[in-house]
Amino acid sequence: YDGSGALFGGITTSEVYLIRAESSARLGETSA
């Protein structure tokens, strides 16, 4: 996500969607 050979190590919305998805699954909320 740096558009170069340097590797991105920051924070993205895609990570946040996956955090919320995993948290919902672990809390038993399959649909969410």
ModelCIF file with pLDDT and N, C-alpha, C, O atoms, coordinates in Angstrom:
data_MODEL
#
_entry.id   MODEL 
#
_entity.id                         1 
_entity.type                       polymer 
_entity.pdbx_number_of_molecules   1 
#
_entity_poly.entity_id                      1 
_entity_poly.type                           'polypeptide(L)' 
_entity_poly.nstd_linkage                   no 
_entity_poly.nstd_monomer                   no 
_entity_poly.pdbx_seq_one_letter_code       YDGSGALFGGITTSEVYLIRAESSARLGETSA 
_entity_poly.pdbx_seq_one_letter_code_can   YDGSGALFGGITTSEVYLIRAESSARLGETSA 
_entity_poly.pdbx_strand_id                 A 
#
loop_
_entity_poly_seq.entity_id 
_entity_poly_seq.num 
_entity_poly_seq.mon_id 
_entity_poly_seq.hetero 
1 1  TYR n 
1 2  ASP n 
1 3  GLY n 
1 4  SER n 
1 5  GLY n 
1 6  ALA n 
1 7  LEU n 
1 8  PHE n 
1 9  GLY n 
1 10 GLY n 
1 11 ILE n 
1 12 THR n 
1 13 THR n 
1 14 SER n 
1 15 GLU n 
1 16 VAL n 
1 17 TYR n 
1 18 LEU n 
1 19 ILE n 
1 20 ARG n 
1 21 ALA n 
1 22 GLU n 
1 23 SER n 
1 24 SER n 
1 25 ALA n 
1 26 ARG n 
1 27 LEU n 
1 28 GLY n 
1 29 GLU n 
1 30 THR n 
1 31 SER n 
1 32 ALA n 
#
_struct_asym.id          A 
_struct_asym.entity_id   1 
#
loop_
_ma_qa_metric.id 
_ma_qa_metric.mode 
_ma_qa_metric.name 
_ma_qa_metric.software_group_id 
_ma_qa_metric.type 
1 global pLDDT . pLDDT 
2 local  pLDDT . pLDDT 
#
_ma_qa_metric_global.metric_id      1 
_ma_qa_metric_global.metric_value   96.19 
_ma_qa_metric_global.model_id       1 
_ma_qa_metric_global.ordinal_id     1 
#
loop_
_ma_qa_metric_local.label_asym_id 
_ma_qa_metric_local.label_comp_id 
_ma_qa_metric_local.label_seq_id 
_ma_qa_metric_local.metric_id 
_ma_qa_metric_local.metric_value 
_ma_qa_metric_local.model_id 
_ma_qa_metric_local.ordinal_id 
A TYR 1  2 96.00 1 1  
A ASP 2  2 95.00 1 2  
A GLY 3  2 93.00 1 3  
A SER 4  2 90.00 1 4  
A GLY 5  2 85.00 1 5  
A ALA 6  2 88.00 1 6  
A LEU 7  2 90.00 1 7  
A PHE 8  2 94.00 1 8  
A GLY 9  2 94.00 1 9  
A GLY 10 2 97.00 1 10 
A ILE 11 2 98.00 1 11 
A THR 12 2 98.00 1 12 
A THR 13 2 98.00 1 13 
A SER 14 2 98.00 1 14 
A GLU 15 2 98.00 1 15 
A VAL 16 2 98.00 1 16 
A TYR 17 2 98.00 1 17 
A LEU 18 2 98.00 1 18 
A ILE 19 2 98.00 1 19 
A ARG 20 2 98.00 1 20 
A ALA 21 2 98.00 1 21 
A GLU 22 2 98.00 1 22 
A SER 23 2 98.00 1 23 
A SER 24 2 98.00 1 24 
A ALA 25 2 98.00 1 25 
A ARG 26 2 98.00 1 26 
A LEU 27 2 98.00 1 27 
A GLY 28 2 98.00 1 28 
A GLU 29 2 98.00 1 29 
A THR 30 2 98.00 1 30 
A SER 31 2 98.00 1 31 
A ALA 32 2 98.00 1 32 
#
loop_
_atom_site.group_PDB 
_atom_site.id 
_atom_site.type_symbol 
_atom_site.label_atom_id 
_atom_site.label_alt_id 
_atom_site.label_comp_id 
_atom_site.label_asym_id 
_atom_site.label_entity_id 
_atom_site.label_seq_id 
_atom_site.pdbx_PDB_ins_code 
_atom_site.Cartn_x 
_atom_site.Cartn_y 
_atom_site.Cartn_z 
_atom_site.occupancy 
_atom_site.B_iso_or_equiv 
_atom_site.pdbx_formal_charge 
_atom_site.auth_seq_id 
_atom_site.auth_comp_id 
_atom_site.auth_asym_id 
_atom_site.auth_atom_id 
_atom_site.pdbx_PDB_model_num 
ATOM 1   N N  . TYR A 1 1  ? 0.824   -1.206  0.000  1.00 96.00 ? 1  TYR A N  1 
ATOM 2   C CA . TYR A 1 1  ? 0.000   0.000   0.000  1.00 96.00 ? 1  TYR A CA 1 
ATOM 3   C C  . TYR A 1 1  ? 0.862   1.261   0.000  1.00 96.00 ? 1  TYR A C  1 
ATOM 4   O O  . TYR A 1 1  ? 0.339   2.369   0.113  1.00 96.00 ? 1  TYR A O  1 
ATOM 5   N N  . ASP A 1 2  ? 2.168   1.099   -0.125 1.00 95.00 ? 2  ASP A N  1 
ATOM 6   C CA . ASP A 1 2  ? 3.044   2.258   -0.301 1.00 95.00 ? 2  ASP A CA 1 
ATOM 7   C C  . ASP A 1 2  ? 3.288   2.561   -1.771 1.00 95.00 ? 2  ASP A C  1 
ATOM 8   O O  . ASP A 1 2  ? 3.874   3.594   -2.095 1.00 95.00 ? 2  ASP A O  1 
ATOM 9   N N  . GLY A 1 3  ? 2.849   1.681   -2.668 1.00 93.00 ? 3  GLY A N  1 
ATOM 10  C CA . GLY A 1 3  ? 3.081   1.894   -4.087 1.00 93.00 ? 3  GLY A CA 1 
ATOM 11  C C  . GLY A 1 3  ? 4.541   1.809   -4.464 1.00 93.00 ? 3  GLY A C  1 
ATOM 12  O O  . GLY A 1 3  ? 4.978   2.424   -5.437 1.00 93.00 ? 3  GLY A O  1 
ATOM 13  N N  . SER A 1 4  ? 5.303   1.040   -3.685 1.00 90.00 ? 4  SER A N  1 
ATOM 14  C CA . SER A 1 4  ? 6.742   0.923   -3.920 1.00 90.00 ? 4  SER A CA 1 
ATOM 15  C C  . SER A 1 4  ? 7.222   -0.416  -3.387 1.00 90.00 ? 4  SER A C  1 
ATOM 16  O O  . SER A 1 4  ? 6.427   -1.260  -2.974 1.00 90.00 ? 4  SER A O  1 
ATOM 17  N N  . GLY A 1 5  ? 8.567   -0.599  -3.403 1.00 85.00 ? 5  GLY A N  1 
ATOM 18  C CA . GLY A 1 5  ? 9.134   -1.820  -2.856 1.00 85.00 ? 5  GLY A CA 1 
ATOM 19  C C  . GLY A 1 5  ? 9.157   -1.834  -1.345 1.00 85.00 ? 5  GLY A C  1 
ATOM 20  O O  . GLY A 1 5  ? 9.370   -2.886  -0.742 1.00 85.00 ? 5  GLY A O  1 
ATOM 21  N N  . ALA A 1 6  ? 8.939   -0.676  -0.711 1.00 88.00 ? 6  ALA A N  1 
ATOM 22  C CA . ALA A 1 6  ? 8.838   -0.626  0.747  1.00 88.00 ? 6  ALA A CA 1 
ATOM 23  C C  . ALA A 1 6  ? 7.511   -1.225  1.174  1.00 88.00 ? 6  ALA A C  1 
ATOM 24  O O  . ALA A 1 6  ? 6.486   -0.976  0.540  1.00 88.00 ? 6  ALA A O  1 
ATOM 25  N N  . LEU A 1 7  ? 7.517   -2.001  2.225  1.00 90.00 ? 7  LEU A N  1 
ATOM 26  C CA . LEU A 1 7  ? 6.297   -2.690  2.632  1.00 90.00 ? 7  LEU A CA 1 
ATOM 27  C C  . LEU A 1 7  ? 5.478   -1.847  3.598  1.00 90.00 ? 7  LEU A C  1 
ATOM 28  O O  . LEU A 1 7  ? 6.004   -1.286  4.560  1.00 90.00 ? 7  LEU A O  1 
ATOM 29  N N  . PHE A 1 8  ? 4.194   -1.769  3.326  1.00 94.00 ? 8  PHE A N  1 
ATOM 30  C CA . PHE A 1 8  ? 3.261   -0.993  4.145  1.00 94.00 ? 8  PHE A CA 1 
ATOM 31  C C  . PHE A 1 8  ? 3.047   -1.698  5.479  1.00 94.00 ? 8  PHE A C  1 
ATOM 32  O O  . PHE A 1 8  ? 2.825   -2.908  5.519  1.00 94.00 ? 8  PHE A O  1 
ATOM 33  N N  . GLY A 1 9  ? 3.113   -0.943  6.566  1.00 94.00 ? 9  GLY A N  1 
ATOM 34  C CA . GLY A 1 9  ? 2.863   -1.517  7.883  1.00 94.00 ? 9  GLY A CA 1 
ATOM 35  C C  . GLY A 1 9  ? 1.904   -0.694  8.707  1.00 94.00 ? 9  GLY A C  1 
ATOM 36  O O  . GLY A 1 9  ? 1.897   -0.795  9.934  1.00 94.00 ? 9  GLY A O  1 
ATOM 37  N N  . GLY A 1 10 ? 1.091   0.122   8.053  1.00 97.00 ? 10 GLY A N  1 
ATOM 38  C CA . GLY A 1 10 ? 0.181   1.003   8.767  1.00 97.00 ? 10 GLY A CA 1 
ATOM 39  C C  . GLY A 1 10 ? -1.164  0.352   9.071  1.00 97.00 ? 10 GLY A C  1 
ATOM 40  O O  . GLY A 1 10 ? -1.241  -0.847  9.340  1.00 97.00 ? 10 GLY A O  1 
ATOM 41  N N  . ILE A 1 11 ? -2.222  1.158   9.027  1.00 98.00 ? 11 ILE A N  1 
ATOM 42  C CA . ILE A 1 11 ? -3.562  0.705   9.394  1.00 98.00 ? 11 ILE A CA 1 
ATOM 43  C C  . ILE A 1 11 ? -4.516  1.019   8.252  1.00 98.00 ? 11 ILE A C  1 
ATOM 44  O O  . ILE A 1 11 ? -4.476  2.115   7.693  1.00 98.00 ? 11 ILE A O  1 
ATOM 45  N N  . THR A 1 12 ? -5.370  0.067   7.905  1.00 98.00 ? 12 THR A N  1 
ATOM 46  C CA . THR A 1 12 ? -6.297  0.244   6.792  1.00 98.00 ? 12 THR A CA 1 
ATOM 47  C C  . THR A 1 12 ? -7.728  -0.101  7.201  1.00 98.00 ? 12 THR A C  1 
ATOM 48  O O  . THR A 1 12 ? -7.962  -0.796  8.190  1.00 98.00 ? 12 THR A O  1 
ATOM 49  N N  . THR A 1 13 ? -8.668  0.400   6.417  1.00 98.00 ? 13 THR A N  1 
ATOM 50  C CA . THR A 1 13 ? -10.063 0.036   6.665  1.00 98.00 ? 13 THR A CA 1 
ATOM 51  C C  . THR A 1 13 ? -10.316 -1.445  6.425  1.00 98.00 ? 13 THR A C  1 
ATOM 52  O O  . THR A 1 13 ? -11.168 -2.036  7.089  1.00 98.00 ? 13 THR A O  1 
ATOM 53  N N  . SER A 1 14 ? -9.594  -2.058  5.491  1.00 98.00 ? 14 SER A N  1 
ATOM 54  C CA . SER A 1 14 ? -9.793  -3.485  5.241  1.00 98.00 ? 14 SER A CA 1 
ATOM 55  C C  . SER A 1 14 ? -9.462  -4.300  6.489  1.00 98.00 ? 14 SER A C  1 
ATOM 56  O O  . SER A 1 14 ? -10.150 -5.275  6.792  1.00 98.00 ? 14 SER A O  1 
ATOM 57  N N  . GLU A 1 15 ? -8.412  -3.907  7.214  1.00 98.00 ? 15 GLU A N  1 
ATOM 58  C CA . GLU A 1 15 ? -8.104  -4.580  8.473  1.00 98.00 ? 15 GLU A CA 1 
ATOM 59  C C  . GLU A 1 15 ? -9.235  -4.400  9.474  1.00 98.00 ? 15 GLU A C  1 
ATOM 60  O O  . GLU A 1 15 ? -9.589  -5.340  10.186 1.00 98.00 ? 15 GLU A O  1 
ATOM 61  N N  . VAL A 1 16 ? -9.800  -3.210  9.534  1.00 98.00 ? 16 VAL A N  1 
ATOM 62  C CA . VAL A 1 16 ? -10.850 -2.923  10.512 1.00 98.00 ? 16 VAL A CA 1 
ATOM 63  C C  . VAL A 1 16 ? -12.111 -3.734  10.209 1.00 98.00 ? 16 VAL A C  1 
ATOM 64  O O  . VAL A 1 16 ? -12.751 -4.238  11.132 1.00 98.00 ? 16 VAL A O  1 
ATOM 65  N N  . TYR A 1 17 ? -12.476 -3.868  8.941  1.00 98.00 ? 17 TYR A N  1 
ATOM 66  C CA . TYR A 1 17 ? -13.618 -4.725  8.582  1.00 98.00 ? 17 TYR A CA 1 
ATOM 67  C C  . TYR A 1 17 ? -13.376 -6.158  9.061  1.00 98.00 ? 17 TYR A C  1 
ATOM 68  O O  . TYR A 1 17 ? -14.289 -6.815  9.561  1.00 98.00 ? 17 TYR A O  1 
ATOM 69  N N  . LEU A 1 18 ? -12.139 -6.636  8.904  1.00 98.00 ? 18 LEU A N  1 
ATOM 70  C CA . LEU A 1 18 ? -11.836 -8.008  9.315  1.00 98.00 ? 18 LEU A CA 1 
ATOM 71  C C  . LEU A 1 18 ? -11.822 -8.146  10.836 1.00 98.00 ? 18 LEU A C  1 
ATOM 72  O O  . LEU A 1 18 ? -12.213 -9.187  11.364 1.00 98.00 ? 18 LEU A O  1 
ATOM 73  N N  . ILE A 1 19 ? -11.379 -7.116  11.540 1.00 98.00 ? 19 ILE A N  1 
ATOM 74  C CA . ILE A 1 19 ? -11.434 -7.139  13.007 1.00 98.00 ? 19 ILE A CA 1 
ATOM 75  C C  . ILE A 1 19 ? -12.880 -7.227  13.470 1.00 98.00 ? 19 ILE A C  1 
ATOM 76  O O  . ILE A 1 19 ? -13.208 -8.019  14.354 1.00 98.00 ? 19 ILE A O  1 
ATOM 77  N N  . ARG A 1 20 ? -13.750 -6.407  12.869 1.00 98.00 ? 20 ARG A N  1 
ATOM 78  C CA . ARG A 1 20 ? -15.155 -6.445  13.286 1.00 98.00 ? 20 ARG A CA 1 
ATOM 79  C C  . ARG A 1 20 ? -15.805 -7.767  12.902 1.00 98.00 ? 20 ARG A C  1 
ATOM 80  O O  . ARG A 1 20 ? -16.623 -8.301  13.651 1.00 98.00 ? 20 ARG A O  1 
ATOM 81  N N  . ALA A 1 21 ? -15.444 -8.290  11.744 1.00 98.00 ? 21 ALA A N  1 
ATOM 82  C CA . ALA A 1 21 ? -15.999 -9.576  11.329 1.00 98.00 ? 21 ALA A CA 1 
ATOM 83  C C  . ALA A 1 21 ? -15.587 -10.682 12.298 1.00 98.00 ? 21 ALA A C  1 
ATOM 84  O O  . ALA A 1 21 ? -16.425 -11.467 12.742 1.00 98.00 ? 21 ALA A O  1 
ATOM 85  N N  . GLU A 1 22 ? -14.293 -10.742 12.625 1.00 98.00 ? 22 GLU A N  1 
ATOM 86  C CA . GLU A 1 22 ? -13.831 -11.789 13.546 1.00 98.00 ? 22 GLU A CA 1 
ATOM 87  C C  . GLU A 1 22 ? -14.471 -11.638 14.919 1.00 98.00 ? 22 GLU A C  1 
ATOM 88  O O  . GLU A 1 22 ? -14.895 -12.622 15.524 1.00 98.00 ? 22 GLU A O  1 
ATOM 89  N N  . SER A 1 23 ? -14.539 -10.407 15.408 1.00 98.00 ? 23 SER A N  1 
ATOM 90  C CA . SER A 1 23 ? -15.125 -10.183 16.729 1.00 98.00 ? 23 SER A CA 1 
ATOM 91  C C  . SER A 1 23 ? -16.587 -10.607 16.753 1.00 98.00 ? 23 SER A C  1 
ATOM 92  O O  . SER A 1 23 ? -17.037 -11.220 17.721 1.00 98.00 ? 23 SER A O  1 
ATOM 93  N N  . SER A 1 24 ? -17.326 -10.290 15.709 1.00 98.00 ? 24 SER A N  1 
ATOM 94  C CA . SER A 1 24 ? -18.733 -10.699 15.651 1.00 98.00 ? 24 SER A CA 1 
ATOM 95  C C  . SER A 1 24 ? -18.864 -12.216 15.640 1.00 98.00 ? 24 SER A C  1 
ATOM 96  O O  . SER A 1 24 ? -19.734 -12.773 16.310 1.00 98.00 ? 24 SER A O  1 
ATOM 97  N N  . ALA A 1 25 ? -17.996 -12.889 14.876 1.00 98.00 ? 25 ALA A N  1 
ATOM 98  C CA . ALA A 1 25 ? -18.046 -14.356 14.829 1.00 98.00 ? 25 ALA A CA 1 
ATOM 99  C C  . ALA A 1 25 ? -17.759 -14.952 16.201 1.00 98.00 ? 25 ALA A C  1 
ATOM 100 O O  . ALA A 1 25 ? -18.423 -15.898 16.625 1.00 98.00 ? 25 ALA A O  1 
ATOM 101 N N  . ARG A 1 26 ? -16.777 -14.399 16.886 1.00 98.00 ? 26 ARG A N  1 
ATOM 102 C CA . ARG A 1 26 ? -16.420 -14.935 18.205 1.00 98.00 ? 26 ARG A CA 1 
ATOM 103 C C  . ARG A 1 26 ? -17.504 -14.647 19.244 1.00 98.00 ? 26 ARG A C  1 
ATOM 104 O O  . ARG A 1 26 ? -17.591 -15.330 20.264 1.00 98.00 ? 26 ARG A O  1 
ATOM 105 N N  . LEU A 1 27 ? -18.316 -13.646 18.983 1.00 98.00 ? 27 LEU A N  1 
ATOM 106 C CA . LEU A 1 27 ? -19.424 -13.324 19.877 1.00 98.00 ? 27 LEU A CA 1 
ATOM 107 C C  . LEU A 1 27 ? -20.718 -14.019 19.466 1.00 98.00 ? 27 LEU A C  1 
ATOM 108 O O  . LEU A 1 27 ? -21.774 -13.764 20.045 1.00 98.00 ? 27 LEU A O  1 
ATOM 109 N N  . GLY A 1 28 ? -20.636 -14.903 18.459 1.00 98.00 ? 28 GLY A N  1 
ATOM 110 C CA . GLY A 1 28 ? -21.785 -15.693 18.047 1.00 98.00 ? 28 GLY A CA 1 
ATOM 111 C C  . GLY A 1 28 ? -22.724 -15.006 17.084 1.00 98.00 ? 28 GLY A C  1 
ATOM 112 O O  . GLY A 1 28 ? -23.832 -15.493 16.861 1.00 98.00 ? 28 GLY A O  1 
ATOM 113 N N  . GLU A 1 29 ? -22.315 -13.882 16.502 1.00 98.00 ? 29 GLU A N  1 
ATOM 114 C CA . GLU A 1 29 ? -23.172 -13.142 15.578 1.00 98.00 ? 29 GLU A CA 1 
ATOM 115 C C  . GLU A 1 29 ? -22.749 -13.447 14.139 1.00 98.00 ? 29 GLU A C  1 
ATOM 116 O O  . GLU A 1 29 ? -22.033 -12.672 13.505 1.00 98.00 ? 29 GLU A O  1 
ATOM 117 N N  . THR A 1 30 ? -23.202 -14.574 13.654 1.00 98.00 ? 30 THR A N  1 
ATOM 118 C CA . THR A 1 30 ? -22.769 -15.101 12.364 1.00 98.00 ? 30 THR A CA 1 
ATOM 119 C C  . THR A 1 30 ? -23.138 -14.172 11.211 1.00 98.00 ? 30 THR A C  1 
ATOM 120 O O  . THR A 1 30 ? -22.305 -13.906 10.344 1.00 98.00 ? 30 THR A O  1 
ATOM 121 N N  . SER A 1 31 ? -24.359 -13.683 11.189 1.00 98.00 ? 31 SER A N  1 
ATOM 122 C CA . SER A 1 31 ? -24.827 -12.855 10.082 1.00 98.00 ? 31 SER A CA 1 
ATOM 123 C C  . SER A 1 31 ? -24.006 -11.573 9.966  1.00 98.00 ? 31 SER A C  1 
ATOM 124 O O  . SER A 1 31 ? -23.584 -11.200 8.872  1.00 98.00 ? 31 SER A O  1 
ATOM 125 N N  . ALA A 1 32 ? -23.779 -10.900 11.093 1.00 98.00 ? 32 ALA A N  1 
ATOM 126 C CA . ALA A 1 32 ? -22.997 -9.661  11.073 1.00 98.00 ? 32 ALA A CA 1 
ATOM 127 C C  . ALA A 1 32 ? -21.569 -9.932  10.631 1.00 98.00 ? 32 ALA A C  1 
ATOM 128 O O  . ALA A 1 32 ? -20.761 -9.007  10.554 1.00 98.00 ? 32 ALA A O  1 
#
